[in-house]
Each structure stands twice: as structure tokens, then as C-alpha cells.
């Protein structure tokens, strides 16, 4: 998924799922020199337990 922040495109990984407004959301933000892959296991866990997950690159 791509969103725009201050006019710039930003990629957000959502575990290949649409965002469901009725579920809680968790946003994962990685450190310098990394990408959304560092959150794969945590994102999968929380998505399987009924949360929206968003990993920002």
C-alpha cells in the first residue's frame, strides 16, 4: 500500500490485508538502514490475533 506524507509517497506493508476500521491497528516503524522485513514475524503474529498491522518503510 502506498500513502502520501507531506506530498511524498511512502510504502506501507499491511500483511496483504485491507485495513478494517473495526479492529485495533499497530504501526511498526524500523530504524535506519532497515526495511519492513524486520517486523515480519511480529506483524504476522498480531495480524493473526485480530489486529491491523502497518509496517512503514
Protein backbone atom coordinates (compact mmCIF):
# COMPACT_ATOMS: atom_id res chain seq x y z
CA UNK A 1 0.00 0.00 0.00
CA UNK A 2 1.26 3.49 -0.77
CA UNK A 3 0.25 6.58 1.15
CA UNK A 4 1.32 10.19 0.85
CA UNK A 5 3.06 12.04 3.69
CA UNK A 6 3.84 15.73 3.18
CA UNK A 7 3.42 15.21 -0.56
CA UNK A 8 5.88 12.30 -0.70
CA UNK A 9 4.92 8.68 -1.47
CA UNK A 10 5.54 6.26 1.41
CA UNK A 11 5.27 2.47 1.19
CA UNK A 12 3.37 0.67 3.97
CA UNK A 13 3.23 -3.10 4.25
CA UNK A 14 -0.13 -4.36 5.54
CA UNK A 15 0.37 -8.13 5.55
CA UNK A 16 -1.56 -8.27 2.24
CA UNK A 17 -4.78 -7.38 4.05
CA UNK A 18 -7.13 -4.43 3.84
CA UNK A 19 -7.38 -2.18 6.88
CA UNK A 20 -10.51 -2.98 8.91
CA UNK A 21 -11.63 0.12 10.83
CA UNK A 22 -13.37 -2.04 13.44
CA UNK A 23 -10.07 -3.66 14.52
CA UNK A 24 -7.22 -2.12 16.52
CA UNK A 25 -4.18 -1.05 14.49
CA UNK A 26 -0.49 -1.50 15.27
CA UNK A 27 2.12 0.55 13.40
CA UNK A 28 5.67 -0.79 13.18
CA UNK A 29 8.49 1.67 12.41
CA UNK A 30 12.00 0.36 11.77
CA UNK A 31 15.33 2.02 12.41
CA UNK A 32 17.83 3.48 9.98
CA UNK A 33 19.16 1.17 7.28
CA UNK A 34 16.35 -1.39 7.66
CA UNK A 35 13.01 -2.05 5.98
CA UNK A 36 9.62 -3.52 6.89
CA UNK A 37 11.03 -7.07 6.74
CA UNK A 38 12.42 -6.72 10.30
CA UNK A 39 8.80 -6.76 11.54
CA UNK A 40 7.60 -9.80 9.56
CA UNK A 41 7.22 -12.23 12.49
CA UNK A 42 5.70 -9.66 14.85
CA UNK A 43 3.33 -8.35 12.17
CA UNK A 44 2.20 -11.88 11.30
CA UNK A 45 1.56 -12.67 14.98
CA UNK A 46 -0.55 -9.57 15.62
CA UNK A 47 -2.44 -9.90 12.32
CA UNK A 48 -3.40 -13.49 13.20
CA UNK A 49 -4.72 -12.24 16.53
CA UNK A 50 -7.19 -9.79 15.01
CA UNK A 51 -5.21 -6.60 14.54
CA UNK A 52 -4.47 -4.39 11.57
CA UNK A 53 -0.71 -4.22 11.08
CA UNK A 54 1.11 -1.49 9.20
CA UNK A 55 4.88 -1.57 8.68
CA UNK A 56 6.15 1.73 7.30
CA UNK A 57 9.19 1.99 5.01
